[in-house]
Amino acid sequence: MRRPIRIEAWSDWRRYNIPELPIEPGQADVGITVYPYRMQYSDADKQYNVANAEAAIRTYLNGDDSRWQRVWWDVADND
């Protein structure tokens, strides 16, 4: 998976509500109109901590470990 921005920079952007970042020209063509709401659980978490990772995904993310699934504390739109 391509990681265009590091998790720390992404977290700061979300936490401080920095002004809108432009969507790159090719991204809108494939349906991407907002930046991700969260980072997915890592493969290592899913491989070595299976029970807890699955429980967290089921309990806090409604069973959806996608970047587009909001976490419980996320109430602001990022579009």
Protein backbone atom coordinates (compact mmCIF):
# COMPACT_ATOMS: atom_id res chain seq x y z
CA MET A 1 0.00 0.00 0.00
CA ARG A 2 1.32 3.42 -0.91
CA ARG A 3 1.69 5.75 2.05
CA PRO A 4 1.83 9.32 0.69
CA ILE A 5 2.08 10.95 4.13
CA ARG A 6 3.54 9.53 7.31
CA ILE A 7 1.23 8.70 10.19
CA GLU A 8 2.62 11.49 12.41
CA ALA A 9 2.00 14.17 9.79
CA TRP A 10 -1.43 12.74 9.06
CA SER A 11 -2.28 12.69 12.79
CA ASP A 12 -1.19 16.31 13.20
CA TRP A 13 -3.27 17.32 10.20
CA ARG A 14 -6.35 15.63 11.70
CA ARG A 15 -5.74 16.86 15.27
CA TYR A 16 -5.11 20.52 14.46
CA ASN A 17 -7.74 20.79 11.72
CA ILE A 18 -5.21 22.26 9.30
CA PRO A 19 -6.81 23.85 6.23
CA GLU A 20 -7.86 21.64 3.37
CA LEU A 21 -5.16 19.77 1.50
CA PRO A 22 -5.67 19.55 -2.25
CA ILE A 23 -6.63 16.22 -3.77
CA GLU A 24 -4.11 15.27 -6.45
CA PRO A 25 -5.42 15.43 -10.05
CA GLY A 26 -5.61 11.66 -10.63
CA GLN A 27 -7.25 10.86 -7.29
CA ALA A 28 -10.63 12.40 -8.09
CA ASP A 29 -10.78 10.24 -11.23
CA VAL A 30 -10.92 7.07 -9.11
CA GLY A 31 -13.49 8.37 -6.64
CA ILE A 32 -11.19 9.67 -3.91
CA THR A 33 -12.62 13.00 -2.77
CA VAL A 34 -11.51 13.10 0.89
CA TYR A 35 -8.45 12.02 2.81
CA PRO A 36 -8.69 8.89 4.99
CA TYR A 37 -10.36 9.15 8.39
CA ARG A 38 -7.99 6.69 10.06
CA MET A 39 -5.03 4.39 9.48
CA GLN A 40 -5.77 0.70 9.20
CA TYR A 41 -4.47 -1.81 11.71
CA SER A 42 -1.09 -3.08 10.56
CA ASP A 43 -0.58 -6.57 9.18
CA ALA A 44 1.62 -7.28 12.21
CA ASP A 45 -1.25 -6.40 14.57
CA LYS A 46 -3.58 -8.67 12.66
CA GLN A 47 -1.04 -11.50 12.50
CA TYR A 48 0.42 -11.48 16.01
CA ASN A 49 -2.49 -10.08 18.02
CA VAL A 50 -5.39 -11.70 16.18
CA ALA A 51 -7.96 -11.85 18.97
CA ASN A 52 -7.51 -8.27 20.13
CA ALA A 53 -7.28 -6.81 16.62
CA GLU A 54 -10.47 -8.60 15.56
CA ALA A 55 -12.25 -7.53 18.75
CA ALA A 56 -11.25 -3.89 18.28
CA ILE A 57 -12.31 -3.89 14.63
CA ARG A 58 -15.63 -5.50 15.49
CA THR A 59 -16.34 -3.33 18.55
CA TYR A 60 -15.04 0.10 17.58
CA LEU A 61 -15.16 0.04 13.78
CA ASN A 62 -18.37 -1.91 13.10
CA GLY A 63 -16.31 -4.71 11.55
CA ASP A 64 -14.78 -2.47 8.88
CA ASP A 65 -11.00 -1.93 9.04
CA SER A 66 -10.94 0.50 6.12
CA ARG A 67 -9.39 3.95 5.96
CA TRP A 68 -12.84 5.39 5.31
CA GLN A 69 -14.42 4.08 8.54
CA ARG A 70 -14.60 6.71 11.25
CA VAL A 71 -13.36 5.99 14.75
CA TRP A 72 -15.63 6.64 17.72
CA TRP A 73 -14.15 10.04 18.58
CA ASP A 74 -14.15 11.42 15.02
CA VAL A 75 -17.01 13.88 14.62
CA ALA A 76 -15.59 16.36 12.07
CA ASP A 77 -15.84 15.95 8.32
CA ASN A 78 -12.57 16.11 6.44
CA ASP A 79 -13.97 17.14 3.09
